[in-house]
Every structure is written in structure tokens, then in C-alpha cells.
C-alpha atoms as a PDB file:
ATOM      1  CA  MET A   1      -2.453  -1.042 -13.901  1.00  0.00           C
ATOM      2  CA  ASN A   2      -5.655  -2.273 -15.418  1.00  0.00           C
ATOM      3  CA  ALA A   3      -8.832  -0.848 -13.927  1.00  0.00           C
ATOM      4  CA  SER A   4     -11.026  -2.978 -16.155  1.00  0.00           C
ATOM      5  CA  LYS A   5     -10.129  -6.213 -14.344  1.00  0.00           C
ATOM      6  CA  ARG A   6     -11.720  -4.956 -11.099  1.00  0.00           C
ATOM      7  CA  ARG A   7      -9.530  -7.107  -8.844  1.00  0.00           C
ATOM      8  CA  CYS A   8      -7.089  -6.117  -6.103  1.00  0.00           C
ATOM      9  CA  ASP A   9      -3.506  -6.726  -7.223  1.00  0.00           C
ATOM     10  CA  CYS A  10      -2.575  -7.834  -3.690  1.00  0.00           C
ATOM     11  CA  CYS A  11      -5.350 -10.167  -2.515  1.00  0.00           C
ATOM     12  CA  GLY A  12      -7.496 -10.622  -5.621  1.00  0.00           C
ATOM     13  CA  CYS A  13     -10.760  -9.496  -4.023  1.00  0.00           C
ATOM     14  CA  GLY A  14     -13.327  -7.670  -6.121  1.00  0.00           C
ATOM     15  CA  LEU A  15     -13.015  -3.894  -6.340  1.00  0.00           C
ATOM     16  CA  TRP A  16     -15.821  -1.368  -6.562  1.00  0.00           C
ATOM     17  CA  PHE A  17     -15.884   2.415  -6.592  1.00  0.00           C
ATOM     18  CA  GLY A  18     -15.849   2.911  -2.807  1.00  0.00           C
ATOM     19  CA  ASN A  19     -13.311   0.199  -2.028  1.00  0.00           C
ATOM     20  CA  ARG A  20     -10.435   0.820  -4.429  1.00  0.00           C
ATOM     21  CA  THR A  21      -7.379   2.960  -4.679  1.00  0.00           C
ATOM     22  CA  THR A  22      -4.051   2.962  -6.447  1.00  0.00           C
ATOM     23  CA  ASP A  23      -0.772   2.750  -4.614  1.00  0.00           C
ATOM     24  CA  HIS A  24       2.921   2.598  -5.408  1.00  0.00           C
ATOM     25  CA  ILE A  25       4.402  -0.889  -5.680  1.00  0.00           C
ATOM     26  CA  ILE A  26       7.807   0.444  -4.570  1.00  0.00           C
ATOM     27  CA  PRO A  27       7.113   3.431  -2.288  1.00  0.00           C
ATOM     28  CA  ARG A  28       8.420   6.772  -3.488  1.00  0.00           C
ATOM     29  CA  GLY A  29      10.205   7.196  -0.164  1.00  0.00           C
ATOM     30  CA  LEU A  30      12.203   4.062  -0.940  1.00  0.00           C
ATOM     31  CA  GLY A  31      13.166   5.180  -4.431  1.00  0.00           C
ATOM     32  CA  GLY A  32      10.082   4.114  -6.385  1.00  0.00           C
ATOM     33  CA  SER A  33       8.950   6.182  -9.336  1.00  0.00           C
ATOM     34  CA  ASP A  34       5.581   7.844  -9.862  1.00  0.00           C
ATOM     35  CA  THR A  35       5.063   6.079 -13.178  1.00  0.00           C
ATOM     36  CA  ARG A  36       2.104   3.927 -14.180  1.00  0.00           C
ATOM     37  CA  SER A  37       4.280   0.799 -14.133  1.00  0.00           C
ATOM     38  CA  ASN A  38       4.989   1.379 -10.406  1.00  0.00           C
ATOM     39  CA  ARG A  39       1.321   1.633  -9.419  1.00  0.00           C
ATOM     40  CA  GLN A  40      -1.250  -1.034  -8.690  1.00  0.00           C
ATOM     41  CA  TRP A  41      -4.945  -1.286  -7.839  1.00  0.00           C
ATOM     42  CA  GLU A  42      -5.593  -2.196  -4.215  1.00  0.00           C
ATOM     43  CA  CYS A  43      -8.606  -2.648  -1.998  1.00  0.00           C
ATOM     44  CA  LEU A  44      -8.634  -0.346   1.023  1.00  0.00           C
ATOM     45  CA  SER A  45      -7.816  -3.236   3.411  1.00  0.00           C
ATOM     46  CA  CYS A  46      -4.649  -4.108   1.511  1.00  0.00           C
ATOM     47  CA  GLN A  47      -3.651  -0.460   1.295  1.00  0.00           C
ATOM     48  CA  ARG A  48      -4.019  -0.001   5.070  1.00  0.00           C
ATOM     49  CA  ARG A  49      -2.046  -3.200   5.718  1.00  0.00           C
ATOM     50  CA  LYS A  50       0.701  -2.141   3.310  1.00  0.00           C
ATOM     51  CA  ASN A  51       0.880   1.373   4.771  1.00  0.00           C
ATOM     52  CA  LEU A  52       1.205  -0.038   8.302  1.00  0.00           C
ATOM     53  CA  LEU A  53       4.005  -2.347   7.180  1.00  0.00           C
ATOM     54  CA  GLU A  54       5.821   0.527   5.446  1.00  0.00           C
ATOM     55  CA  THR A  55       5.458   2.666   8.583  1.00  0.00           C
ATOM     56  CA  LEU A  56       6.886  -0.092  10.765  1.00  0.00           C
ATOM     57  CA  VAL A  57       9.783  -0.796   8.398  1.00  0.00           C
ATOM     58  CA  SER A  58      10.701   2.870   8.043  1.00  0.00           C
ATOM     59  CA  GLY A  59      10.586   3.286  11.840  1.00  0.00           C
ATOM     60  CA  VAL A  60      12.901   0.333  12.354  1.00  0.00           C
ATOM     61  CA  LEU A  61      15.261   1.576   9.647  1.00  0.00           C
ATOM     62  CA  ARG A  62      15.392   4.962  11.389  1.00  0.00           C
ATOM     63  CA  GLY A  63      15.984   3.281  14.735  1.00  0.00           C
ATOM     64  CA  GLY A  64      12.574   4.123  16.149  1.00  0.00           C
ATOM     65  CA  GLY A  65      11.324   0.589  16.598  1.00  0.00           C
ATOM     66  CA  PHE A  66       7.688  -0.373  17.107  1.00  0.00           C
ATOM     67  CA  THR A  67       5.729   1.317  19.876  1.00  0.00           C
ATOM     68  CA  GLY A  68       2.292  -0.125  19.190  1.00  0.00           C
ATOM     69  CA  ALA A  69       0.820   3.287  18.341  1.00  0.00           C
ATOM     70  CA  GLU A  70       1.189   2.432  14.661  1.00  0.00           C
ATOM     71  CA  ALA A  71      -1.141  -0.538  15.025  1.00  0.00           C
ATOM     72  CA  ARG A  72      -3.820   1.648  16.573  1.00  0.00           C
ATOM     73  CA  ALA A  73      -3.654   4.240  13.783  1.00  0.00           C
END
């Protein structure tokens, strides 16, 4: 994780104070650690996209499937 580069680790767009966050590369719910090496800088768009994907995958793995409500969240 290198905040000085000011680029999203997912899409490469520029980051600024109101449009950046850190997120786990391997989600903690899937066995990822909370260490610095398992975190990356992301723009808010990439974080939302990644969170939606993780929600869909975890729902499918639990047998819940996709209802469409996740996409509207």
C-alpha cells in the first residue's frame, strides 16, 4: 500500500482525499488477513463494484442466488 502514488490499485485512476479508501485484497470473510500487505488503495467506484461482486459471490456460495436487490443497493 503506497499512498504517495495517488492511483487506484484496481483501475489506475487518480485518487484524491474524497475519492479514496483502502480495502482488503482478499476479504477477511474469505480468510484474508488484516495486514498491510492484504490492503490496497481503491477509488470509491472500484470499492463499490468489488463489494457488490463479493456480496453476489457470498450469496451464491450460501445458496441464496441473485435477487437483483444487491444491484440496487
